[in-house]
Amino acid sequence: RMVHVDHIKGNDEEVLLRKIAVGLGFHAVNVKYIVDKALV
């Protein structure tokens, strides 16, 4: 929600959230799908 409110869009938004999601403990193999779904 913070990334969305900050209007970080496109590839930058996805890269940032993927990094954070891995740091939160989500598996790197699944992180793309999790972040895509989270953003939607």
Full PDB file with SEQRES, HELIX, SHEET, SSBOND, CRYST1, ORIGX, SCALE, CONECT and MASTER records, all heavy atoms in Angstrom:
SEQRES   1 A   40  ARG MET VAL HIS VAL ASP HIS ILE LYS GLY ASN ASP GLU          
SEQRES   2 A   40  GLU VAL LEU LEU ARG LYS ILE ALA VAL GLY LEU GLY PHE          
SEQRES   3 A   40  HIS ALA VAL ASN VAL LYS TYR ILE VAL ASP LYS ALA LEU          
SEQRES   4 A   40  VAL                                                          
HELIX    1 AA1 MET A    2  VAL A    5  1                                   4    
HELIX    2 AA2 GLY A   10  LEU A   24  1                                  15    
HELIX    3 AA3 VAL A   31  LEU A   39  1                                   9    
CRYST1    1.000    1.000    1.000  90.00  90.00  90.00 P 1           1          
ORIGX1      1.000000  0.000000  0.000000        0.00000                         
ORIGX2      0.000000  1.000000  0.000000        0.00000                         
ORIGX3      0.000000  0.000000  1.000000        0.00000                         
SCALE1      1.000000  0.000000  0.000000        0.00000                         
SCALE2      0.000000  1.000000  0.000000        0.00000                         
SCALE3      0.000000  0.000000  1.000000        0.00000                         
ATOM      1  N   ARG A   1       0.829  -1.209   0.000  1.00  0.00           N  
ATOM      2  CA  ARG A   1       0.000   0.000   0.000  1.00  0.00           C  
ATOM      3  C   ARG A   1       0.863   1.259   0.000  1.00  0.00           C  
ATOM      4  O   ARG A   1       0.553   2.227  -0.688  1.00  0.00           O  
ATOM      5  CB  ARG A   1      -0.941  -0.004   1.201  1.00  0.00           C  
ATOM      6  CG  ARG A   1      -2.045  -1.020   1.044  1.00  0.00           C  
ATOM      7  CD  ARG A   1      -3.031  -1.034   2.168  1.00  0.00           C  
ATOM      8  NE  ARG A   1      -3.080   0.206   2.896  1.00  0.00           N  
ATOM      9  CZ  ARG A   1      -3.496   0.335   4.145  1.00  0.00           C  
ATOM     10  NH1 ARG A   1      -3.898  -0.720   4.800  1.00  0.00           N  
ATOM     11  NH2 ARG A   1      -3.515   1.485   4.742  1.00  0.00           N  
ATOM     12  N   MET A   2       1.964   1.245   0.769  1.00  0.00           N  
ATOM     13  CA  MET A   2       2.854   2.413   0.782  1.00  0.00           C  
ATOM     14  C   MET A   2       3.480   2.639  -0.583  1.00  0.00           C  
ATOM     15  O   MET A   2       3.557   3.771  -1.057  1.00  0.00           O  
ATOM     16  CB  MET A   2       3.952   2.239   1.827  1.00  0.00           C  
ATOM     17  CG  MET A   2       3.489   2.482   3.232  1.00  0.00           C  
ATOM     18  SD  MET A   2       4.893   2.378   4.344  1.00  0.00           S  
ATOM     19  CE  MET A   2       4.170   1.442   5.660  1.00  0.00           C  
ATOM     20  N   VAL A   3       3.932   1.567  -1.223  1.00  0.00           N  
ATOM     21  CA  VAL A   3       4.516   1.696  -2.555  1.00  0.00           C  
ATOM     22  C   VAL A   3       3.456   2.218  -3.521  1.00  0.00           C  
ATOM     23  O   VAL A   3       3.724   3.098  -4.333  1.00  0.00           O  
ATOM     24  CB  VAL A   3       5.098   0.344  -3.036  1.00  0.00           C  
ATOM     25  CG1 VAL A   3       5.423   0.388  -4.521  1.00  0.00           C  
ATOM     26  CG2 VAL A   3       6.342  -0.011  -2.235  1.00  0.00           C  
ATOM     27  N   HIS A   4       2.246   1.707  -3.405  1.00  0.00           N  
ATOM     28  CA  HIS A   4       1.155   2.143  -4.285  1.00  0.00           C  
ATOM     29  C   HIS A   4       0.833   3.624  -4.065  1.00  0.00           C  
ATOM     30  O   HIS A   4       0.683   4.375  -5.026  1.00  0.00           O  
ATOM     31  CB  HIS A   4      -0.084   1.277  -4.038  1.00  0.00           C  
ATOM     32  CG  HIS A   4      -1.243   1.638  -4.887  1.00  0.00           C  
ATOM     33  ND1 HIS A   4      -1.289   1.337  -6.227  1.00  0.00           N  
ATOM     34  CD2 HIS A   4      -2.397   2.291  -4.601  1.00  0.00           C  
ATOM     35  CE1 HIS A   4      -2.426   1.792  -6.724  1.00  0.00           C  
ATOM     36  NE2 HIS A   4      -3.107   2.360  -5.754  1.00  0.00           N  
ATOM     37  N   VAL A   5       0.754   4.042  -2.816  1.00  0.00           N  
ATOM     38  CA  VAL A   5       0.447   5.442  -2.495  1.00  0.00           C  
ATOM     39  C   VAL A   5       1.550   6.371  -2.982  1.00  0.00           C  
ATOM     40  O   VAL A   5       1.294   7.486  -3.418  1.00  0.00           O  
ATOM     41  CB  VAL A   5       0.210   5.614  -0.975  1.00  0.00           C  
ATOM     42  CG1 VAL A   5       0.194   7.067  -0.569  1.00  0.00           C  
ATOM     43  CG2 VAL A   5      -1.100   4.953  -0.578  1.00  0.00           C  
ATOM     44  N   ASP A   6       2.810   5.901  -2.933  1.00  0.00           N  
ATOM     45  CA  ASP A   6       3.928   6.705  -3.396  1.00  0.00           C  
ATOM     46  C   ASP A   6       3.994   6.792  -4.913  1.00  0.00           C  
ATOM     47  O   ASP A   6       4.862   7.456  -5.458  1.00  0.00           O  
ATOM     48  CB  ASP A   6       5.265   6.134  -2.886  1.00  0.00           C  
ATOM     49  CG  ASP A   6       5.564   6.576  -1.473  1.00  0.00           C  
ATOM     50  OD1 ASP A   6       4.941   7.534  -1.000  1.00  0.00           O  
ATOM     51  OD2 ASP A   6       6.443   5.962  -0.849  1.00  0.00           O  
ATOM     52  N   HIS A   7       3.088   6.111  -5.593  1.00  0.00           N  
ATOM     53  CA  HIS A   7       3.009   6.135  -7.049  1.00  0.00           C  
ATOM     54  C   HIS A   7       4.295   5.648  -7.707  1.00  0.00           C  
ATOM     55  O   HIS A   7       4.705   6.168  -8.745  1.00  0.00           O  
ATOM     56  CB  HIS A   7       2.634   7.530  -7.558  1.00  0.00           C  
ATOM     57  CG  HIS A   7       1.376   8.049  -6.965  1.00  0.00           C  
ATOM     58  ND1 HIS A   7       0.145   7.499  -7.226  1.00  0.00           N  
ATOM     59  CD2 HIS A   7       1.150   9.047  -6.071  1.00  0.00           C  
ATOM     60  CE1 HIS A   7      -0.783   8.152  -6.536  1.00  0.00           C  
ATOM     61  NE2 HIS A   7      -0.200   9.084  -5.828  1.00  0.00           N  
ATOM     62  N   ILE A   8       4.947   4.676  -7.077  1.00  0.00           N  
ATOM     63  CA  ILE A   8       6.098   4.037  -7.708  1.00  0.00           C  
ATOM     64  C   ILE A   8       5.500   3.025  -8.671  1.00  0.00           C  
ATOM     65  O   ILE A   8       4.858   2.076  -8.250  1.00  0.00           O  
ATOM     66  CB  ILE A   8       7.008   3.347  -6.667  1.00  0.00           C  
ATOM     67  CG1 ILE A   8       7.486   4.357  -5.639  1.00  0.00           C  
ATOM     68  CG2 ILE A   8       8.175   2.656  -7.350  1.00  0.00           C  
ATOM     69  CD1 ILE A   8       8.193   3.730  -4.451  1.00  0.00           C  
ATOM     70  N   LYS A   9       5.675   3.245  -9.942  1.00  0.00           N  
ATOM     71  CA  LYS A   9       4.970   2.432 -10.931  1.00  0.00           C  
ATOM     72  C   LYS A   9       5.924   1.621 -11.786  1.00  0.00           C  
ATOM     73  O   LYS A   9       7.104   1.905 -11.875  1.00  0.00           O  
ATOM     74  CB  LYS A   9       4.127   3.335 -11.860  1.00  0.00           C  
ATOM     75  CG  LYS A   9       3.020   4.063 -11.137  1.00  0.00           C  
ATOM     76  CD  LYS A   9       1.999   3.097 -10.609  1.00  0.00           C  
ATOM     77  CE  LYS A   9       0.881   3.837  -9.900  1.00  0.00           C  
ATOM     78  NZ  LYS A   9       0.124   2.995  -9.037  1.00  0.00           N  
ATOM     79  N   GLY A  10       5.342   0.633 -12.446  1.00  0.00           N  
ATOM     80  CA  GLY A  10       6.066  -0.153 -13.430  1.00  0.00           C  
ATOM     81  C   GLY A  10       7.137  -1.027 -12.821  1.00  0.00           C  
ATOM     82  O   GLY A  10       6.990  -1.563 -11.732  1.00  0.00           O  
ATOM     83  N   ASN A  11       8.218  -1.172 -13.559  1.00  0.00           N  
ATOM     84  CA  ASN A  11       9.292  -2.075 -13.177  1.00  0.00           C  
ATOM     85  C   ASN A  11       9.902  -1.710 -11.830  1.00  0.00           C  
ATOM     86  O   ASN A  11      10.231  -2.588 -11.039  1.00  0.00           O  
ATOM     87  CB  ASN A  11      10.362  -2.094 -14.272  1.00  0.00           C  
ATOM     88  CG  ASN A  11      11.336  -3.231 -14.097  1.00  0.00           C  
ATOM     89  OD1 ASN A  11      10.932  -4.353 -13.827  1.00  0.00           O  
ATOM     90  ND2 ASN A  11      12.602  -2.934 -14.235  1.00  0.00           N  
ATOM     91  N   ASP A  12      10.057  -0.403 -11.545  1.00  0.00           N  
ATOM     92  CA  ASP A  12      10.627   0.014 -10.261  1.00  0.00           C  
ATOM     93  C   ASP A  12       9.798  -0.500  -9.093  1.00  0.00           C  
ATOM     94  O   ASP A  12      10.332  -0.960  -8.086  1.00  0.00           O  
ATOM     95  CB  ASP A  12      10.730   1.546 -10.176  1.00  0.00           C  
ATOM     96  CG  ASP A  12      11.757   2.116 -11.127  1.00  0.00           C  
ATOM     97  OD1 ASP A  12      12.743   1.417 -11.428  1.00  0.00           O  
ATOM     98  OD2 ASP A  12      11.574   3.259 -11.567  1.00  0.00           O  
ATOM     99  N   GLU A  13       8.480  -0.416  -9.230  1.00  0.00           N  
ATOM    100  CA  GLU A  13       7.568  -0.883  -8.189  1.00  0.00           C  
ATOM    101  C   GLU A  13       7.737  -2.380  -7.954  1.00  0.00           C  
ATOM    102  O   GLU A  13       7.853  -2.838  -6.823  1.00  0.00           O  
ATOM    103  CB  GLU A  13       6.137  -0.569  -8.608  1.00  0.00           C  
ATOM    104  CG  GLU A  13       5.076  -1.022  -7.648  1.00  0.00           C  
ATOM    105  CD  GLU A  13       3.695  -0.670  -8.153  1.00  0.00           C  
ATOM    106  OE1 GLU A  13       3.333  -1.174  -9.231  1.00  0.00           O  
ATOM    107  OE2 GLU A  13       2.991   0.088  -7.479  1.00  0.00           O  
ATOM    108  N   GLU A  14       7.794  -3.124  -9.032  1.00  0.00           N  
ATOM    109  CA  GLU A  14       7.912  -4.574  -8.919  1.00  0.00           C  
ATOM    110  C   GLU A  14       9.256  -4.984  -8.334  1.00  0.00           C  
ATOM    111  O   GLU A  14       9.316  -5.861  -7.465  1.00  0.00           O  
ATOM    112  CB  GLU A  14       7.704  -5.224 -10.284  1.00  0.00           C  
ATOM    113  CG  GLU A  14       6.288  -5.083 -10.793  1.00  0.00           C  
ATOM    114  CD  GLU A  14       6.132  -5.599 -12.209  1.00  0.00           C  
ATOM    115  OE1 GLU A  14       6.953  -6.421 -12.652  1.00  0.00           O  
ATOM    116  OE2 GLU A  14       5.172  -5.169 -12.868  1.00  0.00           O  
ATOM    117  N   VAL A  15      10.328  -4.371  -8.794  1.00  0.00           N  
ATOM    118  CA  VAL A  15      11.663  -4.709  -8.295  1.00  0.00           C  
ATOM    119  C   VAL A  15      11.760  -4.420  -6.802  1.00  0.00           C  
ATOM    120  O   VAL A  15      12.254  -5.248  -6.028  1.00  0.00           O  
ATOM    121  CB  VAL A  15      12.756  -3.951  -9.083  1.00  0.00           C  
ATOM    122  CG1 VAL A  15      14.108  -4.069  -8.409  1.00  0.00           C  
ATOM    123  CG2 VAL A  15      12.824  -4.466 -10.516  1.00  0.00           C  
ATOM    124  N   LEU A  16      11.280  -3.262  -6.383  1.00  0.00           N  
ATOM    125  CA  LEU A  16      11.323  -2.890  -4.976  1.00  0.00           C  
ATOM    126  C   LEU A  16      10.529  -3.868  -4.123  1.00  0.00           C  
ATOM    127  O   LEU A  16      11.023  -4.379  -3.115  1.00  0.00           O  
ATOM    128  CB  LEU A  16      10.789  -1.468  -4.789  1.00  0.00           C  
ATOM    129  CG  LEU A  16      10.727  -0.931  -3.373  1.00  0.00           C  
ATOM    130  CD1 LEU A  16      12.112  -0.900  -2.738  1.00  0.00           C  
ATOM    131  CD2 LEU A  16      10.110   0.464  -3.372  1.00  0.00           C  
ATOM    132  N   LEU A  17       9.325  -4.176  -4.525  1.00  0.00           N  
ATOM    133  CA  LEU A  17       8.504  -5.091  -3.728  1.00  0.00           C  
ATOM    134  C   LEU A  17       9.045  -6.520  -3.740  1.00  0.00           C  
ATOM    135  O   LEU A  17       8.936  -7.233  -2.744  1.00  0.00           O  
ATOM    136  CB  LEU A  17       7.055  -5.075  -4.197  1.00  0.00           C  
ATOM    137  CG  LEU A  17       6.208  -3.996  -3.564  1.00  0.00           C  
ATOM    138  CD1 LEU A  17       4.798  -4.011  -4.119  1.00  0.00           C  
ATOM    139  CD2 LEU A  17       6.173  -4.112  -2.064  1.00  0.00           C  
ATOM    140  N   ARG A  18       9.635  -6.934  -4.837  1.00  0.00           N  
ATOM    141  CA  ARG A  18      10.238  -8.275  -4.862  1.00  0.00           C  
ATOM    142  C   ARG A  18      11.378  -8.363  -3.858  1.00  0.00           C  
ATOM    143  O   ARG A  18      11.498  -9.342  -3.128  1.00  0.00           O  
ATOM    144  CB  ARG A  18      10.748  -8.614  -6.259  1.00  0.00           C  
ATOM    145  CG  ARG A  18       9.659  -8.977  -7.218  1.00  0.00           C  
ATOM    146  CD  ARG A  18      10.209  -9.361  -8.562  1.00  0.00           C  
ATOM    147  NE  ARG A  18       9.142  -9.369  -9.540  1.00  0.00           N  
ATOM    148  CZ  ARG A  18       9.310  -9.147 -10.824  1.00  0.00           C  
ATOM    149  NH1 ARG A  18      10.507  -8.918 -11.312  1.00  0.00           N  
ATOM    150  NH2 ARG A  18       8.279  -9.173 -11.640  1.00  0.00           N  
ATOM    151  N   LYS A  19      12.218  -7.335  -3.835  1.00  0.00           N  
ATOM    152  CA  LYS A  19      13.323  -7.312  -2.870  1.00  0.00           C  
ATOM    153  C   LYS A  19      12.788  -7.380  -1.443  1.00  0.00           C  
ATOM    154  O   LYS A  19      13.273  -8.141  -0.612  1.00  0.00           O  
ATOM    155  CB  LYS A  19      14.148  -6.024  -3.019  1.00  0.00           C  
ATOM    156  CG  LYS A  19      15.001  -5.943  -4.241  1.00  0.00           C  
ATOM    157  CD  LYS A  19      15.729  -4.604  -4.216  1.00  0.00           C  
ATOM    158  CE  LYS A  19      16.561  -4.318  -5.401  1.00  0.00           C  
ATOM    159  NZ  LYS A  19      17.221  -2.995  -5.297  1.00  0.00           N  
ATOM    160  N   ILE A  20      11.783  -6.578  -1.171  1.00  0.00           N  
ATOM    161  CA  ILE A  20      11.212  -6.526   0.173  1.00  0.00           C  
ATOM    162  C   ILE A  20      10.561  -7.859   0.529  1.00  0.00           C  
ATOM    163  O   ILE A  20      10.716  -8.360   1.644  1.00  0.00           O  
ATOM    164  CB  ILE A  20      10.215  -5.360   0.293  1.00  0.00           C  
ATOM    165  CG1 ILE A  20      10.967  -4.029   0.224  1.00  0.00           C  
ATOM    166  CG2 ILE A  20       9.409  -5.461   1.583  1.00  0.00           C  
ATOM    167  CD1 ILE A  20      10.064  -2.814   0.085  1.00  0.00           C  
ATOM    168  N   ALA A  21       9.834  -8.441  -0.416  1.00  0.00           N  
ATOM    169  CA  ALA A  21       9.146  -9.705  -0.150  1.00  0.00           C  
ATOM    170  C   ALA A  21      10.140 -10.817   0.182  1.00  0.00           C  
ATOM    171  O   ALA A  21       9.904 -11.621   1.091  1.00  0.00           O  
ATOM    172  CB  ALA A  21       8.268 -10.095  -1.338  1.00  0.00           C  
ATOM    173  N   VAL A  22      11.258 -10.858  -0.515  1.00  0.00           N  
ATOM    174  CA  VAL A  22      12.289 -11.851  -0.192  1.00  0.00           C  
ATOM    175  C   VAL A  22      12.835 -11.571   1.206  1.00  0.00           C  
ATOM    176  O   VAL A  22      13.024 -12.483   2.009  1.00  0.00           O  
ATOM    177  CB  VAL A  22      13.415 -11.861  -1.255  1.00  0.00           C  
ATOM    178  CG1 VAL A  22      14.602 -12.691  -0.787  1.00  0.00           C  
ATOM    179  CG2 VAL A  22      12.881 -12.394  -2.585  1.00  0.00           C  
ATOM    180  N   GLY A  23      13.049 -10.288   1.521  1.00  0.00           N  
ATOM    181  CA  GLY A  23      13.512  -9.920   2.855  1.00  0.00           C  
ATOM    182  C   GLY A  23      12.517 -10.271   3.951  1.00  0.00           C  
ATOM    183  O   GLY A  23      12.911 -10.541   5.086  1.00  0.00           O  
ATOM    184  N   LEU A  24      11.240 -10.287   3.607  1.00  0.00           N  
ATOM    185  CA  LEU A  24      10.209 -10.668   4.580  1.00  0.00           C  
ATOM    186  C   LEU A  24      10.137 -12.174   4.793  1.00  0.00           C  
ATOM    187  O   LEU A  24       9.487 -12.642   5.716  1.00  0.00           O  
ATOM    188  CB  LEU A  24       8.829 -10.172   4.129  1.00  0.00           C  
ATOM    189  CG  LEU A  24       8.542  -8.693   4.291  1.00  0.00           C  
ATOM    190  CD1 LEU A  24       7.200  -8.339   3.664  1.00  0.00           C  
ATOM    191  CD2 LEU A  24       8.556  -8.306   5.758  1.00  0.00           C  
ATOM    192  N   GLY A  25      10.787 -12.923   3.916  1.00  0.00           N  
ATOM    193  CA  GLY A  25      10.802 -14.367   4.097  1.00  0.00           C  
ATOM    194  C   GLY A  25      10.033 -15.151   3.052  1.00  0.00           C  
ATOM    195  O   GLY A  25       9.905 -16.362   3.162  1.00  0.00           O  
ATOM    196  N   PHE A  26       9.519 -14.474   2.020  1.00  0.00           N  
ATOM    197  CA  PHE A  26       8.857 -15.196   0.941  1.00  0.00           C  
ATOM    198  C   PHE A  26       9.927 -15.828   0.056  1.00  0.00           C  
ATOM    199  O   PHE A  26      10.984 -15.254  -0.160  1.00  0.00           O  
ATOM    200  CB  PHE A  26       7.965 -14.267   0.117  1.00  0.00           C  
ATOM    201  CG  PHE A  26       6.765 -13.773   0.871  1.00  0.00           C  
ATOM    202  CD1 PHE A  26       6.773 -12.521   1.468  1.00  0.00           C  
ATOM    203  CD2 PHE A  26       5.638 -14.567   0.994  1.00  0.00           C  
ATOM    204  CE1 PHE A  26       5.681 -12.067   2.173  1.00  0.00           C  
ATOM    205  CE2 PHE A  26       4.533 -14.107   1.703  1.00  0.00           C  
ATOM    206  CZ  PHE A  26       4.557 -12.862   2.292  1.00  0.00           C  
ATOM    207  N   HIS A  27       9.652 -17.013  -0.466  1.00  0.00           N  
ATOM    208  CA  HIS A  27      10.629 -17.747  -1.268  1.00  0.00           C  
ATOM    209  C   HIS A  27      10.860 -17.026  -2.607  1.00  0.00           C  
ATOM    210  O   HIS A  27       9.911 -16.614  -3.266  1.00  0.00           O  
ATOM    211  CB  HIS A  27      10.143 -19.177  -1.510  1.00  0.00           C  
ATOM    212  CG  HIS A  27      11.222 -20.079  -1.987  1.00  0.00           C  
ATOM    213  ND1 HIS A  27      11.679 -20.077  -3.277  1.00  0.00           N  
ATOM    214  CD2 HIS A  27      11.961 -21.009  -1.320  1.00  0.00           C  
ATOM    215  CE1 HIS A  27      12.644 -20.958  -3.405  1.00  0.00           C  
ATOM    216  NE2 HIS A  27      12.825 -21.542  -2.225  1.00  0.00           N  
ATOM    217  N   ALA A  28      12.117 -16.907  -2.993  1.00  0.00           N  
ATOM    218  CA  ALA A  28      12.494 -16.179  -4.211  1.00  0.00           C  
ATOM    219  C   ALA A  28      11.853 -16.761  -5.466  1.00  0.00           C  
ATOM    220  O   ALA A  28      11.569 -16.019  -6.413  1.00  0.00           O  
ATOM    221  CB  ALA A  28      14.010 -16.151  -4.350  1.00  0.00           C  
ATOM    222  N   VAL A  29      11.597 -18.053  -5.476  1.00  0.00           N  
ATOM    223  CA  VAL A  29      10.985 -18.690  -6.646  1.00  0.00           C  
ATOM    224  C   VAL A  29       9.557 -18.180  -6.864  1.00  0.00           C  
ATOM    225  O   VAL A  29       9.117 -18.010  -7.998  1.00  0.00           O  
ATOM    226  CB  VAL A  29      10.993 -20.232  -6.484  1.00  0.00           C  
ATOM    227  CG1 VAL A  29      10.186 -20.911  -7.573  1.00  0.00           C  
ATOM    228  CG2 VAL A  29      12.425 -20.756  -6.459  1.00  0.00           C  
ATOM    229  N   ASN A  30       8.842 -17.918  -5.777  1.00  0.00           N  
ATOM    230  CA  ASN A  30       7.434 -17.515  -5.866  1.00  0.00           C  
ATOM    231  C   ASN A  30       7.214 -16.015  -5.784  1.00  0.00           C  
ATOM    232  O   ASN A  30       6.096 -15.553  -5.979  1.00  0.00           O  
ATOM    233  CB  ASN A  30       6.639 -18.172  -4.729  1.00  0.00           C  
ATOM    234  CG  ASN A  30       6.684 -19.659  -4.797  1.00  0.00           C  
ATOM    235  OD1 ASN A  30       6.743 -20.247  -5.862  1.00  0.00           O  
ATOM    236  ND2 ASN A  30       6.666 -20.295  -3.637  1.00  0.00           N  
ATOM    237  N   VAL A  31       8.250 -15.252  -5.486  1.00  0.00           N  
ATOM    238  CA  VAL A  31       8.058 -13.845  -5.145  1.00  0.00           C  
ATOM    239  C   VAL A  31       7.462 -13.033  -6.291  1.00  0.00           C  
ATOM    240  O   VAL A  31       6.664 -12.134  -6.055  1.00  0.00           O  
ATOM    241  CB  VAL A  31       9.364 -13.228  -4.594  1.00  0.00           C  
ATOM    242  CG1 VAL A  31      10.339 -12.893  -5.697  1.00  0.00           C  
ATOM    243  CG2 VAL A  31       9.069 -12.013  -3.751  1.00  0.00           C  
ATOM    244  N   LYS A  32       7.788 -13.334  -7.536  1.00  0.00           N  
ATOM    245  CA  LYS A  32       7.220 -12.584  -8.659  1.00  0.00           C  
ATOM    246  C   LYS A  32       5.699 -12.696  -8.665  1.00  0.00           C  
ATOM    247  O   LYS A  32       4.992 -11.705  -8.814  1.00  0.00           O  
ATOM    248  CB  LYS A  32       7.793 -13.075  -9.985  1.00  0.00           C  
ATOM    249  CG  LYS A  32       7.192 -12.336 -11.187  1.00  0.00           C  
ATOM    250  CD  LYS A  32       7.598 -12.950 -12.490  1.00  0.00           C  
ATOM    251  CE  LYS A  32       7.050 -12.256 -13.698  1.00  0.00           C  
ATOM    252  NZ  LYS A  32       5.807 -11.579 -13.629  1.00  0.00           N  
ATOM    253  N   TYR A  33       5.199 -13.908  -8.471  1.00  0.00           N  
ATOM    254  CA  TYR A  33       3.750 -14.133  -8.495  1.00  0.00           C  
ATOM    255  C   TYR A  33       3.065 -13.486  -7.293  1.00  0.00           C  
ATOM    256  O   TYR A  33       1.982 -12.921  -7.422  1.00  0.00           O  
ATOM    257  CB  TYR A  33       3.463 -15.633  -8.544  1.00  0.00           C  
ATOM    258  CG  TYR A  33       4.169 -16.302  -9.701  1.00  0.00           C  
ATOM    259  CD1 TYR A  33       5.264 -17.121  -9.473  1.00  0.00           C  
ATOM    260  CD2 TYR A  33       3.770 -16.069 -11.013  1.00  0.00           C  
ATOM    261  CE1 TYR A  33       5.938 -17.718 -10.541  1.00  0.00           C  
ATOM    262  CE2 TYR A  33       4.439 -16.651 -12.081  1.00  0.00           C  
ATOM    263  CZ  TYR A  33       5.520 -17.468 -11.834  1.00  0.00           C  
ATOM    264  OH  TYR A  33       6.182 -18.036 -12.883  1.00  0.00           O  
ATOM    265  N   ILE A  34       3.707 -13.564  -6.150  1.00  0.00           N  
ATOM    266  CA  ILE A  34       3.145 -12.963  -4.935  1.00  0.00           C  
ATOM    267  C   ILE A  34       3.067 -11.456  -5.076  1.00  0.00           C  
ATOM    268  O   ILE A  34       2.040 -10.839  -4.766  1.00  0.00           O  
ATOM    269  CB  ILE A  34       3.975 -13.375  -3.697  1.00  0.00           C  
ATOM    270  CG1 ILE A  34       3.830 -14.880  -3.450  1.00  0.00           C  
ATOM    271  CG2 ILE A  34       3.571 -12.569  -2.470  1.00  0.00           C  
ATOM    272  CD1 ILE A  34       4.823 -15.451  -2.454  1.00  0.00           C  
ATOM    273  N   VAL A  35       4.136 -10.844  -5.566  1.00  0.00           N  
ATOM    274  CA  VAL A  35       4.153  -9.383  -5.725  1.00  0.00           C  
ATOM    275  C   VAL A  35       3.162  -8.932  -6.789  1.00  0.00           C  
ATOM    276  O   VAL A  35       2.439  -7.944  -6.591  1.00  0.00           O  
ATOM    277  CB  VAL A  35       5.582  -8.887  -6.030  1.00  0.00           C  
ATOM    278  CG1 VAL A  35       5.588  -7.454  -6.538  1.00  0.00           C  
ATOM    279  CG2 VAL A  35       6.461  -9.021  -4.790  1.00  0.00           C  
ATOM    280  N   ASP A  36       3.110  -9.642  -7.900  1.00  0.00           N  
ATOM    281  CA  ASP A  36       2.134  -9.283  -8.943  1.00  0.00           C  
ATOM    282  C   ASP A  36       0.711  -9.298  -8.374  1.00  0.00           C  
ATOM    283  O   ASP A  36      -0.072  -8.370  -8.599  1.00  0.00           O  
ATOM    284  CB  ASP A  36       2.219 -10.242 -10.133  1.00  0.00           C  
ATOM    285  CG  ASP A  36       3.475 -10.051 -10.965  1.00  0.00           C  
ATOM    286  OD1 ASP A  36       4.179  -9.031 -10.792  1.00  0.00           O  
ATOM    287  OD2 ASP A  36       3.766 -10.939 -11.793  1.00  0.00           O  
ATOM    288  N   LYS A  37       0.394 -10.343  -7.625  1.00  0.00           N  
ATOM    289  CA  LYS A  37      -0.938 -10.461  -7.023  1.00  0.00           C  
ATOM    290  C   LYS A  37      -1.157  -9.369  -5.977  1.00  0.00           C  
ATOM    291  O   LYS A  37      -2.232  -8.751  -5.930  1.00  0.00           O  
ATOM    292  CB  LYS A  37      -1.094 -11.851  -6.389  1.00  0.00           C  
ATOM    293  CG  LYS A  37      -2.443 -12.115  -5.787  1.00  0.00           C  
ATOM    294  CD  LYS A  37      -3.491 -12.303  -6.852  1.00  0.00           C  
ATOM    295  CE  LYS A  37      -4.790 -12.792  -6.251  1.00  0.00           C  
ATOM    296  NZ  LYS A  37      -5.767 -13.129  -7.265  1.00  0.00           N  
ATOM    297  N   ALA A  38      -0.145  -9.099  -5.151  1.00  0.00           N  
ATOM    298  CA  ALA A  38      -0.258  -8.057  -4.121  1.00  0.00           C  
ATOM    299  C   ALA A  38      -0.544  -6.700  -4.755  1.00  0.00           C  
ATOM    300  O   ALA A  38      -1.401  -5.951  -4.267  1.00  0.00           O  
ATOM    301  CB  ALA A  38       1.012  -8.003  -3.279  1.00  0.00           C  
ATOM    302  N   LEU A  39       0.142  -6.384  -5.834  1.00  0.00           N  
ATOM    303  CA  LEU A  39      -0.057  -5.093  -6.489  1.00  0.00           C  
ATOM    304  C   LEU A  39      -1.446  -4.972  -7.108  1.00  0.00           C  
ATOM    305  O   LEU A  39      -2.079  -3.920  -7.024  1.00  0.00           O  
ATOM    306  CB  LEU A  39       1.021  -4.863  -7.553  1.00  0.00           C  
ATOM    307  CG  LEU A  39       2.424  -4.661  -7.003  1.00  0.00           C  
ATOM    308  CD1 LEU A  39       3.449  -4.616  -8.132  1.00  0.00           C  
ATOM    309  CD2 LEU A  39       2.502  -3.396  -6.155  1.00  0.00           C  
ATOM    310  N   VAL A  40      -1.927  -6.049  -7.687  1.00  0.00           N  
ATOM    311  CA  VAL A  40      -3.281  -6.038  -8.257  1.00  0.00           C  
ATOM    312  C   VAL A  40      -4.307  -5.835  -7.143  1.00  0.00           C  
ATOM    313  O   VAL A  40      -5.220  -5.008  -7.267  1.00  0.00           O  
ATOM    314  CB  VAL A  40      -3.561  -7.344  -9.038  1.00  0.00           C  
ATOM    315  CG1 VAL A  40      -5.045  -7.485  -9.358  1.00  0.00           C  
ATOM    316  CG2 VAL A  40      -2.738  -7.386 -10.314  1.00  0.00           C  
TER     317      VAL A  40                                                      
MASTER        0    0    0    3    0    0    0    6  316    1    0    4          
END                                                                             
